[in-house]
Structure formats: C-alpha cells, structure tokens
Amino acid sequence: MAEVRVAEHAGACYGVERALELAWGAVDSSDDDICTLGPLIHNPRVVSSLDAMGAHVVDRVEDAAGRTLILRTHGVTPDEERRARELCPKVIDATCPFVKRVHVEVERLTRDGYEVVIVGEAGHPEVVATLGHAPSAHIISNALEVPYARLGNRVGVVVQTTQKREILDAVVEAIRAQGVEPIVKDTICTATRERQDETAQLAEAVDAMVVLGGHNSSNTTRLTEICAARCERTFHVESPAELSAEWFEGCDVVGVTAGASTPEDQIAALVAVLEQL
C-alpha cells in the first residue's frame, strides 16, 4: 500500500465555505424550496446534495420569481442582481469576496479611463459576471491573443481569481512588448495561490497525483494542469468511485490535492479509498 500525502492547503476555500453556510442556513430557515442562480459552486456532488435539500439551480432570475434566490459564488452581472432584487422577496449574495474585489477594480479602472483587460476564460461564470461591470473590457485567455485585442496606450489588467499566475505574467509581458506599460491588479485569490504553489511542490515529490474536484471547476482544472506538468501519472476525479488500483501500480507515494470547491469530507473519503487500494 502506497503512502498517501495530502497537500496542506487543499479543498474548500473561505468563499466556498461561506457560500455553503449561507445556503444551508437559507434551507433551514425556509419552509419552501429556494433557488440558486446557476450552480452555487462548481462541484456537482455538492450541487446535487443542495438540490435534495431544497435548493434548486435556475438559469434565469425569472425562474426564481417569488422565491428566495442565492447568487452564486462566481458572481452575477449588475443587471442580473437588479432583476433578482425586483422579482425575488429575498436575495442572498453568496458571491466570493475575492470575486467582488475584481468587480471593484474593473469599475475603478473604467472610471479612470483605462481600457480594461480581463485575463480569464471567456464564458466562465466569473468572467461573465466581471464583464457585466465593465462591458467594453477585453477578455484575453493567453498571451497569443494580445495582438488581436488592438489595445490603446492606457491599459488596466485584472485576472480571473482562479487563473494560473504564469498566464497572467505572460499576458502582461505581451502587452509590454507592444510598448504599453499596463496597470496590473493581481486579483488571483490567496487560496488559489496557496493551492497552486503547494500542489506544484507535492507533484514533484510523488509517484502519482490525484486531483479531486468538479470537472467543470476552473481552479481544479488549473491544479490538474500544474500536476500533469510535473507528474506523469496525474488523475482528476470527482469522486472516489472513479479511482482504479491499476493507476497506482508500482507507486510508493501518492499525492492528493483538491479544488477550492471540494469539501473536507470528500477529501477524507478519497484518502480512505486510496489507502485501501
């Protein structure tokens, strides 16, 4: 049986824990079903559990009219929040504080006359919400896209909270290569930095890595990429049921990390299965 090492900082971050506490409290205090605008967090197992408790996902504010509505951790656009407060008797804002910081920064940069660049994934809920606070901003996912943005001379940069630092640095350098010195607001959250740094160190010291978290989770995907670059045997799973003993044949040490939307009990369950393989 291989030794199992778990990254010191792994699993649910403050923003996720806060959102879950708000959701559980709302369910406990309501006699009726409630809604979340989009999945509360990117963890299908948790979202399924919330649904069973009476907190159902809706895609549009209008689908929650007349009911309590929770705004997801990834944030919503100002228009969505306005409509929510018009149509729903109670609105609970579970937006991660680090995401709110990004909204504040893009609004400030816009007011100060800067052309805003959001370094992140187009279509990701967090980026969509941020774009709502700066509709004319450019979304750039990597340095190769910078020349196509046709940026001016006053540029302000923010970054999706779960993005890799290497991508942010590369985009900033590509902007500088065009003769522009941007104002950079490093809005990668502390939890993301800790998890990425520790995951990189652990992946270099083990024979195999298991990354636990939703396949739809951006920060978990980033952790998987970091591991795969350092450890050939890297596996991204959503639950212990996906594990296979064959993956770990000949391994002396197996590392475990988990995305910021993964509760501690899910990590413990995974470790327990790994130790029995």
Protein backbone atom coordinates (compact mmCIF):
# COMPACT_ATOMS: atom_id res chain seq x y z
CA MET A 1 0.00 0.00 0.00
CA ALA A 2 1.45 3.36 -1.08
CA GLU A 3 1.87 6.28 1.28
CA VAL A 4 -0.77 8.97 0.72
CA ARG A 5 0.24 12.62 1.15
CA VAL A 6 -2.38 15.38 1.14
CA ALA A 7 -1.45 18.97 0.30
CA GLU A 8 -1.64 21.17 3.40
CA HIS A 9 -3.93 23.67 1.69
CA ALA A 10 -6.46 21.63 -0.25
CA GLY A 11 -10.20 21.76 -0.63
CA ALA A 12 -12.87 24.30 0.17
CA CYS A 13 -11.70 27.91 0.46
CA TYR A 14 -13.26 30.66 2.56
CA GLY A 15 -15.54 31.84 -0.25
CA VAL A 16 -16.94 28.34 -0.81
CA GLU A 17 -17.39 27.63 2.90
CA ARG A 18 -19.17 30.97 3.30
CA ALA A 19 -21.47 30.22 0.36
CA LEU A 20 -22.34 26.77 1.69
CA GLU A 21 -23.12 28.13 5.14
CA LEU A 22 -25.40 30.74 3.58
CA ALA A 23 -27.17 28.10 1.50
CA TRP A 24 -27.60 25.66 4.38
CA GLY A 25 -28.90 28.48 6.58
CA ALA A 26 -31.38 29.55 3.92
CA VAL A 27 -32.69 26.00 3.51
CA ASP A 28 -33.05 25.54 7.26
CA SER A 29 -34.94 28.80 7.71
CA SER A 30 -37.32 28.42 4.78
CA ASP A 31 -40.48 26.36 4.57
CA ASP A 32 -40.37 26.49 0.76
CA ASP A 33 -37.83 25.47 -1.84
CA ILE A 34 -35.25 28.09 -2.69
CA CYS A 35 -33.11 28.71 -5.77
CA THR A 36 -29.51 29.37 -6.70
CA LEU A 37 -28.74 31.41 -9.81
CA GLY A 38 -26.54 28.90 -11.58
CA PRO A 39 -24.69 26.20 -9.60
CA LEU A 40 -23.68 27.68 -6.24
CA ILE A 41 -20.18 26.23 -6.67
CA HIS A 42 -18.52 24.08 -9.33
CA ASN A 43 -18.88 20.77 -7.51
CA PRO A 44 -21.63 18.55 -8.99
CA ARG A 45 -21.82 16.35 -5.90
CA VAL A 46 -22.42 19.34 -3.62
CA VAL A 47 -24.91 20.89 -6.04
CA SER A 48 -26.81 17.58 -6.16
CA SER A 49 -26.86 17.47 -2.35
CA LEU A 50 -28.21 21.03 -2.17
CA ASP A 51 -30.90 20.15 -4.69
CA ALA A 52 -32.01 17.24 -2.50
CA MET A 53 -32.20 19.65 0.45
CA GLY A 54 -34.45 22.03 -1.49
CA ALA A 55 -32.00 24.49 -3.07
CA HIS A 56 -32.55 24.16 -6.81
CA VAL A 57 -30.46 25.60 -9.64
CA VAL A 58 -32.13 28.03 -12.04
CA ASP A 59 -30.51 29.55 -15.10
CA ARG A 60 -32.55 32.76 -15.19
CA VAL A 61 -33.66 35.17 -12.49
CA GLU A 62 -37.21 34.97 -13.85
CA ASP A 63 -37.34 31.26 -12.99
CA ALA A 64 -36.94 32.15 -9.30
CA ALA A 65 -39.57 34.91 -9.19
CA GLY A 66 -41.39 34.95 -5.86
CA ARG A 67 -38.84 32.73 -4.12
CA THR A 68 -35.62 33.16 -2.17
CA LEU A 69 -32.68 33.39 -4.58
CA ILE A 70 -29.00 32.81 -3.78
CA LEU A 71 -26.43 34.48 -6.03
CA ARG A 72 -23.63 32.01 -6.86
CA THR A 73 -20.05 32.30 -5.60
CA HIS A 74 -18.82 33.22 -9.09
CA GLY A 75 -20.90 36.41 -9.02
CA VAL A 76 -23.58 37.77 -11.33
CA THR A 77 -23.88 40.79 -13.59
CA PRO A 78 -25.29 44.04 -12.18
CA ASP A 79 -28.37 43.57 -14.40
CA GLU A 80 -29.00 40.09 -13.00
CA GLU A 81 -28.70 41.35 -9.44
CA ARG A 82 -31.06 44.24 -10.16
CA ARG A 83 -33.69 41.91 -11.63
CA ALA A 84 -33.24 39.48 -8.74
CA ARG A 85 -33.99 42.18 -6.18
CA GLU A 86 -37.05 43.26 -8.20
CA LEU A 87 -38.53 39.78 -8.61
CA CYS A 88 -37.47 37.85 -5.51
CA PRO A 89 -38.64 38.62 -1.96
CA LYS A 90 -35.25 37.64 -0.55
CA VAL A 91 -31.84 37.69 -2.26
CA ILE A 92 -28.79 36.17 -0.59
CA ASP A 93 -25.49 37.28 -2.07
CA ALA A 94 -23.02 34.38 -1.85
CA THR A 95 -20.52 36.00 -4.24
CA CYS A 96 -16.96 35.26 -3.14
CA PRO A 97 -15.36 38.39 -1.60
CA PHE A 98 -12.32 37.92 -3.86
CA VAL A 99 -14.60 38.00 -6.91
CA LYS A 100 -16.23 41.18 -5.62
CA ARG A 101 -12.77 42.71 -5.41
CA VAL A 102 -12.35 42.10 -9.16
CA HIS A 103 -15.65 43.91 -9.81
CA VAL A 104 -14.47 46.89 -7.78
CA GLU A 105 -11.16 47.02 -9.63
CA VAL A 106 -12.66 46.92 -13.14
CA GLU A 107 -15.18 49.61 -12.23
CA ARG A 108 -12.38 51.81 -10.84
CA LEU A 109 -10.18 51.28 -13.90
CA THR A 110 -13.09 52.10 -16.20
CA ARG A 111 -13.89 55.29 -14.28
CA ASP A 112 -10.24 56.32 -14.50
CA GLY A 113 -10.28 55.98 -18.28
CA TYR A 114 -8.35 52.75 -18.70
CA GLU A 115 -9.01 50.13 -21.35
CA VAL A 116 -9.68 47.02 -19.26
CA VAL A 117 -8.25 43.58 -19.97
CA ILE A 118 -9.71 40.60 -18.11
CA VAL A 119 -7.28 37.68 -18.16
CA GLY A 120 -9.52 34.64 -18.00
CA GLU A 121 -11.75 32.15 -19.74
CA ALA A 122 -14.46 33.61 -21.97
CA GLY A 123 -17.82 32.16 -20.97
CA HIS A 124 -16.78 31.22 -17.44
CA PRO A 125 -19.44 32.47 -14.97
CA GLU A 126 -16.93 34.58 -13.04
CA VAL A 127 -15.65 36.26 -16.19
CA VAL A 128 -19.19 36.83 -17.48
CA ALA A 129 -20.11 38.49 -14.19
CA THR A 130 -16.97 40.64 -14.24
CA LEU A 131 -17.64 41.71 -17.81
CA GLY A 132 -21.03 42.97 -16.64
CA HIS A 133 -19.16 45.52 -14.51
CA ALA A 134 -17.01 46.63 -17.46
CA PRO A 135 -18.92 45.83 -20.69
CA SER A 136 -16.24 47.21 -23.00
CA ALA A 137 -13.42 45.13 -21.47
CA HIS A 138 -11.30 42.71 -23.49
CA ILE A 139 -11.26 39.05 -22.41
CA ILE A 140 -7.85 37.53 -23.09
CA SER A 141 -7.14 33.90 -22.25
CA ASN A 142 -3.45 33.77 -23.19
CA ALA A 143 -0.56 35.87 -24.49
CA LEU A 144 -1.13 34.84 -28.11
CA GLU A 145 -4.43 36.74 -28.12
CA VAL A 146 -2.92 40.08 -27.09
CA PRO A 147 -2.06 41.39 -30.60
CA TYR A 148 -5.64 40.81 -31.77
CA ALA A 149 -7.08 42.99 -28.99
CA ARG A 150 -5.67 46.17 -30.60
CA LEU A 151 -5.10 47.83 -27.24
CA GLY A 152 -4.52 51.54 -26.74
CA ASN A 153 -1.93 53.25 -24.52
CA ARG A 154 -3.88 53.25 -21.22
CA VAL A 155 -4.49 49.64 -20.20
CA GLY A 156 -5.57 48.17 -16.89
CA VAL A 157 -5.38 44.43 -16.25
CA VAL A 158 -7.33 42.22 -13.86
CA VAL A 159 -7.35 38.43 -13.74
CA GLN A 160 -9.88 35.68 -13.06
CA THR A 161 -9.40 34.69 -9.42
CA THR A 162 -8.62 31.05 -10.25
CA GLN A 163 -6.20 31.67 -13.13
CA LYS A 164 -2.58 30.49 -13.17
CA ARG A 165 -0.01 33.18 -12.41
CA GLU A 166 2.10 32.10 -15.39
CA ILE A 167 -0.74 33.02 -17.75
CA LEU A 168 -1.19 36.44 -16.14
CA ASP A 169 2.55 37.13 -16.33
CA ALA A 170 2.72 36.07 -19.99
CA VAL A 171 -0.21 38.31 -20.96
CA VAL A 172 1.30 41.30 -19.16
CA GLU A 173 4.66 40.74 -20.89
CA ALA A 174 2.90 40.51 -24.27
CA ILE A 175 1.21 43.86 -23.61
CA ARG A 176 4.55 45.41 -22.62
CA ALA A 177 6.06 44.06 -25.83
CA GLN A 178 3.66 46.37 -27.69
CA GLY A 179 5.17 49.37 -25.93
CA VAL A 180 2.41 49.72 -23.34
CA GLU A 181 3.02 49.68 -19.58
CA PRO A 182 -0.27 48.43 -18.10
CA ILE A 183 -1.58 48.93 -14.60
CA VAL A 184 -1.89 45.38 -13.25
CA LYS A 185 -4.32 44.41 -10.50
CA ASP A 186 -3.30 40.91 -9.45
CA THR A 187 -6.70 39.57 -8.41
CA ILE A 188 -5.75 35.88 -8.19
CA CYS A 189 -7.12 34.93 -4.78
CA THR A 190 -4.92 33.86 -1.88
CA ALA A 191 -6.48 30.39 -1.70
CA THR A 192 -5.74 29.79 -5.37
CA ARG A 193 -2.11 30.86 -4.96
CA GLU A 194 -1.62 28.60 -1.92
CA ARG A 195 -3.18 25.60 -3.61
CA GLN A 196 -1.23 26.04 -6.82
CA ASP A 197 2.13 26.55 -5.09
CA GLU A 198 1.72 23.60 -2.73
CA THR A 199 0.35 21.36 -5.46
CA ALA A 200 3.40 22.07 -7.64
CA GLN A 201 5.75 21.14 -4.80
CA LEU A 202 3.85 17.97 -3.93
CA ALA A 203 3.58 16.81 -7.55
CA GLU A 204 7.36 16.91 -7.88
CA ALA A 205 7.84 14.66 -4.84
CA VAL A 206 5.37 11.80 -5.51
CA ASP A 207 4.87 8.95 -7.96
CA ALA A 208 1.25 9.81 -8.78
CA MET A 209 -1.16 12.69 -8.11
CA VAL A 210 -4.91 12.63 -7.62
CA VAL A 211 -6.75 15.92 -8.02
CA LEU A 212 -10.25 15.88 -6.52
CA GLY A 213 -12.95 18.27 -7.67
CA GLY A 214 -15.58 19.04 -10.28
CA HIS A 215 -14.63 18.53 -13.90
CA ASN A 216 -16.40 21.86 -14.50
CA SER A 217 -14.25 23.63 -11.91
CA SER A 218 -11.72 26.10 -13.32
CA ASN A 219 -9.47 26.11 -10.27
CA THR A 220 -9.45 22.29 -10.13
CA THR A 221 -8.56 22.15 -13.82
CA ARG A 222 -5.65 24.52 -13.18
CA LEU A 223 -4.41 22.22 -10.38
CA THR A 224 -4.60 19.26 -12.74
CA GLU A 225 -2.55 21.12 -15.35
CA ILE A 226 0.07 22.02 -12.76
CA CYS A 227 0.30 18.40 -11.60
CA ALA A 228 0.44 16.95 -15.11
CA ALA A 229 3.39 19.19 -15.95
CA ARG A 230 5.34 17.72 -13.04
CA CYS A 231 3.97 14.21 -12.52
CA GLU A 232 3.19 11.92 -15.46
CA ARG A 233 0.61 9.93 -13.51
CA THR A 234 -1.92 12.65 -12.72
CA PHE A 235 -5.62 11.86 -12.38
CA HIS A 236 -8.54 14.28 -12.00
CA VAL A 237 -11.60 12.69 -10.39
CA GLU A 238 -14.89 13.94 -8.97
CA SER A 239 -15.38 11.03 -6.57
CA PRO A 240 -13.52 8.02 -5.11
CA ALA A 241 -15.66 5.75 -7.30
CA GLU A 242 -13.58 6.81 -10.29
CA LEU A 243 -10.31 5.52 -8.81
CA SER A 244 -8.63 2.44 -10.27
CA ALA A 245 -5.98 0.39 -8.49
CA GLU A 246 -4.15 -0.05 -11.80
CA TRP A 247 -3.31 3.65 -11.84
CA PHE A 248 -1.05 3.29 -8.83
CA GLU A 249 0.81 0.05 -9.56
CA GLY A 250 4.43 0.41 -8.51
CA CYS A 251 3.83 3.70 -6.66
CA ASP A 252 5.47 4.30 -3.30
CA VAL A 253 3.90 7.73 -2.66
CA VAL A 254 0.61 9.13 -3.96
CA GLY A 255 -0.19 12.82 -3.58
CA VAL A 256 -3.65 14.30 -3.17
CA THR A 257 -4.87 17.82 -3.72
CA ALA A 258 -8.35 19.23 -4.21
CA GLY A 259 -10.01 22.22 -5.79
CA ALA A 260 -11.36 25.13 -3.78
CA SER A 261 -14.93 23.84 -4.25
CA THR A 262 -14.21 20.48 -2.62
CA PRO A 263 -15.40 20.00 1.00
CA GLU A 264 -13.14 18.33 3.55
CA ASP A 265 -15.38 15.27 3.91
CA GLN A 266 -14.97 14.48 0.21
CA ILE A 267 -11.17 14.64 0.55
CA ALA A 268 -11.26 12.33 3.60
CA ALA A 269 -13.41 9.83 1.71
CA LEU A 270 -10.97 9.82 -1.21
CA VAL A 271 -7.95 9.29 1.04
CA ALA A 272 -9.70 6.41 2.80
CA VAL A 273 -10.27 4.64 -0.52
CA LEU A 274 -6.70 5.31 -1.71
CA GLU A 275 -5.28 3.80 1.48
CA GLN A 276 -7.25 0.60 0.82
CA LEU A 277 -6.20 0.15 -2.81
